[in-house]
Amino acid sequence: MSAHRLPPILNASDIRQSFAWFEELGWKKGWDWGDPPTFGGVCSGACEIFLCQGGQGGRGKGSSKSTFGEEDGQTADKGVWMSVWVDDVDVVHRHCLERGLEVVWPPTNMPWGVREMHVRHPDGHVFRISKGIEEE
């Protein structure tokens, strides 16, 4: 097998609200399907994520305010965790704060050689925004 694309499918409680959330993050709505829409995609450059309203995977936001640390929040959310690699984690962090998105882990130089932050989608999906420290 030779895979050509690998878009994850995220379970969304409200696809229109998810489109709006991703637009706040800086992504663009690529397409939707249905009337009203129940399936669609968001894009950032060559990357794409599919959204399915009410199906295809789990969702759910845990009670933890942080994804790492003492509360062990990395097991609390029932949504998907995704790693997104960017040019500048700190620029994305400022953008998320300006837009009022839920940052659950601030930009931190991690022992595995990555600077990363986490932002959580309202349905509990967590995006690890990362850049290799050696790339800086």
C-alpha atoms as a PDB file:
ATOM      1  CA  MET A   1       0.000   0.000   0.000  1.00  0.00           C
ATOM      2  CA  SER A   2       1.112   3.519  -0.764  1.00  0.00           C
ATOM      3  CA  ALA A   3      -1.039   6.114   1.014  1.00  0.00           C
ATOM      4  CA  HIS A   4      -1.572   9.440  -0.748  1.00  0.00           C
ATOM      5  CA  ARG A   5      -3.563  11.373   1.875  1.00  0.00           C
ATOM      6  CA  LEU A   6      -4.450  10.805   5.511  1.00  0.00           C
ATOM      7  CA  PRO A   7      -7.140  13.226   6.677  1.00  0.00           C
ATOM      8  CA  PRO A   8      -8.431  12.359  10.149  1.00  0.00           C
ATOM      9  CA  ILE A   9     -12.185  12.427  10.756  1.00  0.00           C
ATOM     10  CA  LEU A  10     -13.252  14.307  13.881  1.00  0.00           C
ATOM     11  CA  ASN A  11     -16.640  13.816  15.504  1.00  0.00           C
ATOM     12  CA  ALA A  12     -18.260  17.260  15.796  1.00  0.00           C
ATOM     13  CA  SER A  13     -21.314  18.086  17.888  1.00  0.00           C
ATOM     14  CA  ASP A  14     -22.132  21.018  15.568  1.00  0.00           C
ATOM     15  CA  ILE A  15     -20.353  21.135  12.206  1.00  0.00           C
ATOM     16  CA  ARG A  16     -21.087  24.812  11.581  1.00  0.00           C
ATOM     17  CA  GLN A  17     -19.642  25.780  14.959  1.00  0.00           C
ATOM     18  CA  SER A  18     -16.625  23.590  14.212  1.00  0.00           C
ATOM     19  CA  PHE A  19     -16.091  25.356  10.876  1.00  0.00           C
ATOM     20  CA  ALA A  20     -16.167  28.687  12.748  1.00  0.00           C
ATOM     21  CA  TRP A  21     -13.731  27.421  15.434  1.00  0.00           C
ATOM     22  CA  PHE A  22     -11.240  26.240  12.819  1.00  0.00           C
ATOM     23  CA  GLU A  23     -11.512  29.591  11.037  1.00  0.00           C
ATOM     24  CA  GLU A  24     -10.592  31.281  14.342  1.00  0.00           C
ATOM     25  CA  LEU A  25      -7.571  28.962  14.528  1.00  0.00           C
ATOM     26  CA  GLY A  26      -6.554  30.117  11.044  1.00  0.00           C
ATOM     27  CA  TRP A  27      -7.829  27.209   8.928  1.00  0.00           C
ATOM     28  CA  LYS A  28     -10.357  27.542   6.083  1.00  0.00           C
ATOM     29  CA  LYS A  29     -13.545  25.639   5.367  1.00  0.00           C
ATOM     30  CA  GLY A  30     -12.793  23.498   2.327  1.00  0.00           C
ATOM     31  CA  TRP A  31     -16.182  21.950   1.615  1.00  0.00           C
ATOM     32  CA  ASP A  32     -19.356  20.572   3.146  1.00  0.00           C
ATOM     33  CA  TRP A  33     -21.876  17.903   2.240  1.00  0.00           C
ATOM     34  CA  GLY A  34     -25.598  17.630   2.965  1.00  0.00           C
ATOM     35  CA  ASP A  35     -28.462  20.053   3.482  1.00  0.00           C
ATOM     36  CA  PRO A  36     -28.015  20.959   6.224  1.00  0.00           C
ATOM     37  CA  PRO A  37     -24.362  19.903   6.148  1.00  0.00           C
ATOM     38  CA  THR A  38     -23.306  17.000   8.364  1.00  0.00           C
ATOM     39  CA  PHE A  39     -19.906  16.276   6.834  1.00  0.00           C
ATOM     40  CA  GLY A  40     -17.140  18.520   5.564  1.00  0.00           C
ATOM     41  CA  GLY A  41     -13.514  19.471   5.608  1.00  0.00           C
ATOM     42  CA  VAL A  42     -11.217  22.235   6.805  1.00  0.00           C
ATOM     43  CA  CYS A  43      -7.838  23.012   5.239  1.00  0.00           C
ATOM     44  CA  SER A  44      -4.532  24.636   6.097  1.00  0.00           C
ATOM     45  CA  GLY A  45      -2.044  24.525   3.250  1.00  0.00           C
ATOM     46  CA  ALA A  46      -1.862  20.925   2.047  1.00  0.00           C
ATOM     47  CA  CYS A  47      -3.365  19.599   5.315  1.00  0.00           C
ATOM     48  CA  GLU A  48      -7.031  18.653   5.624  1.00  0.00           C
ATOM     49  CA  ILE A  49      -9.261  17.483   8.476  1.00  0.00           C
ATOM     50  CA  PHE A  50     -12.696  15.969   7.919  1.00  0.00           C
ATOM     51  CA  LEU A  51     -15.543  16.798  10.300  1.00  0.00           C
ATOM     52  CA  CYS A  52     -18.538  14.512  10.844  1.00  0.00           C
ATOM     53  CA  GLN A  53     -21.473  15.810  12.846  1.00  0.00           C
ATOM     54  CA  GLY A  54     -22.475  13.299  15.499  1.00  0.00           C
ATOM     55  CA  GLY A  55     -20.483  10.302  14.295  1.00  0.00           C
ATOM     56  CA  GLN A  56     -17.287   8.602  13.210  1.00  0.00           C
ATOM     57  CA  GLY A  57     -15.195   8.634  16.349  1.00  0.00           C
ATOM     58  CA  GLY A  58     -15.444   9.911  19.866  1.00  0.00           C
ATOM     59  CA  ARG A  59     -15.635  13.344  21.360  1.00  0.00           C
ATOM     60  CA  GLY A  60     -15.930  14.755  24.824  1.00  0.00           C
ATOM     61  CA  LYS A  61     -14.209  17.352  26.917  1.00  0.00           C
ATOM     62  CA  GLY A  62     -12.768  16.292  30.240  1.00  0.00           C
ATOM     63  CA  SER A  63     -12.830  18.393  33.389  1.00  0.00           C
ATOM     64  CA  SER A  64      -9.069  19.018  33.470  1.00  0.00           C
ATOM     65  CA  LYS A  65      -7.928  22.572  32.703  1.00  0.00           C
ATOM     66  CA  SER A  66      -4.535  21.345  31.439  1.00  0.00           C
ATOM     67  CA  THR A  67      -3.490  18.570  29.091  1.00  0.00           C
ATOM     68  CA  PHE A  68      -0.156  17.930  30.837  1.00  0.00           C
ATOM     69  CA  GLY A  69       0.892  18.288  34.448  1.00  0.00           C
ATOM     70  CA  GLU A  70      -0.356  17.160  37.833  1.00  0.00           C
ATOM     71  CA  GLU A  71      -3.989  16.647  36.823  1.00  0.00           C
ATOM     72  CA  ASP A  72      -2.942  14.147  34.111  1.00  0.00           C
ATOM     73  CA  GLY A  73      -5.314  15.809  31.669  1.00  0.00           C
ATOM     74  CA  GLN A  74      -3.923  13.873  28.720  1.00  0.00           C
ATOM     75  CA  THR A  75      -6.306  11.018  29.578  1.00  0.00           C
ATOM     76  CA  ALA A  76      -9.365  13.141  30.459  1.00  0.00           C
ATOM     77  CA  ASP A  77     -10.546  14.237  27.012  1.00  0.00           C
ATOM     78  CA  LYS A  78     -12.350  11.676  24.857  1.00  0.00           C
ATOM     79  CA  GLY A  79     -11.618  13.431  21.564  1.00  0.00           C
ATOM     80  CA  VAL A  80      -8.756  12.937  19.140  1.00  0.00           C
ATOM     81  CA  TRP A  81      -5.255  14.295  19.794  1.00  0.00           C
ATOM     82  CA  MET A  82      -3.440  15.600  16.717  1.00  0.00           C
ATOM     83  CA  SER A  83       0.066  16.922  16.239  1.00  0.00           C
ATOM     84  CA  VAL A  84       0.294  19.989  13.981  1.00  0.00           C
ATOM     85  CA  TRP A  85       3.769  21.213  13.002  1.00  0.00           C
ATOM     86  CA  VAL A  86       4.178  24.942  12.372  1.00  0.00           C
ATOM     87  CA  ASP A  87       6.876  27.556  11.752  1.00  0.00           C
ATOM     88  CA  ASP A  88       6.420  29.436  15.055  1.00  0.00           C
ATOM     89  CA  VAL A  89       4.584  28.036  18.091  1.00  0.00           C
ATOM     90  CA  ASP A  90       4.644  31.384  19.916  1.00  0.00           C
ATOM     91  CA  VAL A  91       2.934  33.214  17.046  1.00  0.00           C
ATOM     92  CA  VAL A  92       0.183  30.564  17.023  1.00  0.00           C
ATOM     93  CA  HIS A  93      -0.128  30.884  20.812  1.00  0.00           C
ATOM     94  CA  ARG A  94      -0.637  34.653  20.619  1.00  0.00           C
ATOM     95  CA  HIS A  95      -3.171  34.173  17.816  1.00  0.00           C
ATOM     96  CA  CYS A  96      -5.136  31.629  19.887  1.00  0.00           C
ATOM     97  CA  LEU A  97      -5.198  33.917  22.929  1.00  0.00           C
ATOM     98  CA  GLU A  98      -6.343  36.880  20.803  1.00  0.00           C
ATOM     99  CA  ARG A  99      -9.187  34.754  19.406  1.00  0.00           C
ATOM    100  CA  GLY A 100     -10.238  33.422  22.822  1.00  0.00           C
ATOM    101  CA  LEU A 101      -9.450  29.791  22.000  1.00  0.00           C
ATOM    102  CA  GLU A 102      -8.876  27.402  24.905  1.00  0.00           C
ATOM    103  CA  VAL A 103      -5.113  27.022  25.308  1.00  0.00           C
ATOM    104  CA  VAL A 104      -4.600  24.133  27.720  1.00  0.00           C
ATOM    105  CA  TRP A 105      -0.794  24.005  27.645  1.00  0.00           C
ATOM    106  CA  PRO A 106       1.357  27.093  27.011  1.00  0.00           C
ATOM    107  CA  PRO A 107       4.382  27.067  24.683  1.00  0.00           C
ATOM    108  CA  THR A 108       6.969  24.925  26.454  1.00  0.00           C
ATOM    109  CA  ASN A 109      10.322  23.457  25.455  1.00  0.00           C
ATOM    110  CA  MET A 110       9.731  19.759  26.050  1.00  0.00           C
ATOM    111  CA  PRO A 111      12.472  17.245  26.953  1.00  0.00           C
ATOM    112  CA  TRP A 112      11.910  15.363  23.666  1.00  0.00           C
ATOM    113  CA  GLY A 113      13.294  18.331  21.697  1.00  0.00           C
ATOM    114  CA  VAL A 114      10.028  20.002  20.683  1.00  0.00           C
ATOM    115  CA  ARG A 115       8.516  23.359  21.579  1.00  0.00           C
ATOM    116  CA  GLU A 116       4.789  22.779  21.825  1.00  0.00           C
ATOM    117  CA  MET A 117       1.509  24.156  23.039  1.00  0.00           C
ATOM    118  CA  HIS A 118      -1.956  22.620  23.173  1.00  0.00           C
ATOM    119  CA  VAL A 119      -5.274  24.130  22.107  1.00  0.00           C
ATOM    120  CA  ARG A 120      -8.570  22.306  22.738  1.00  0.00           C
ATOM    121  CA  HIS A 121     -11.559  22.242  20.388  1.00  0.00           C
ATOM    122  CA  PRO A 122     -14.956  22.612  22.119  1.00  0.00           C
ATOM    123  CA  ASP A 123     -15.659  18.898  21.447  1.00  0.00           C
ATOM    124  CA  GLY A 124     -12.514  17.834  23.339  1.00  0.00           C
ATOM    125  CA  HIS A 125     -10.142  17.360  20.408  1.00  0.00           C
ATOM    126  CA  VAL A 126      -6.628  18.508  21.363  1.00  0.00           C
ATOM    127  CA  PHE A 127      -4.168  20.011  18.879  1.00  0.00           C
ATOM    128  CA  ARG A 128      -0.494  19.798  19.823  1.00  0.00           C
ATOM    129  CA  ILE A 129       1.028  22.755  17.989  1.00  0.00           C
ATOM    130  CA  SER A 130       4.722  21.936  17.649  1.00  0.00           C
ATOM    131  CA  LYS A 131       8.099  22.820  16.200  1.00  0.00           C
ATOM    132  CA  GLY A 132      11.391  21.016  16.667  1.00  0.00           C
ATOM    133  CA  ILE A 133      13.722  23.019  18.916  1.00  0.00           C
ATOM    134  CA  GLU A 134      16.708  22.158  16.726  1.00  0.00           C
ATOM    135  CA  GLU A 135      14.872  23.843  13.824  1.00  0.00           C
ATOM    136  CA  GLU A 136      15.115  27.200  15.613  1.00  0.00           C
END
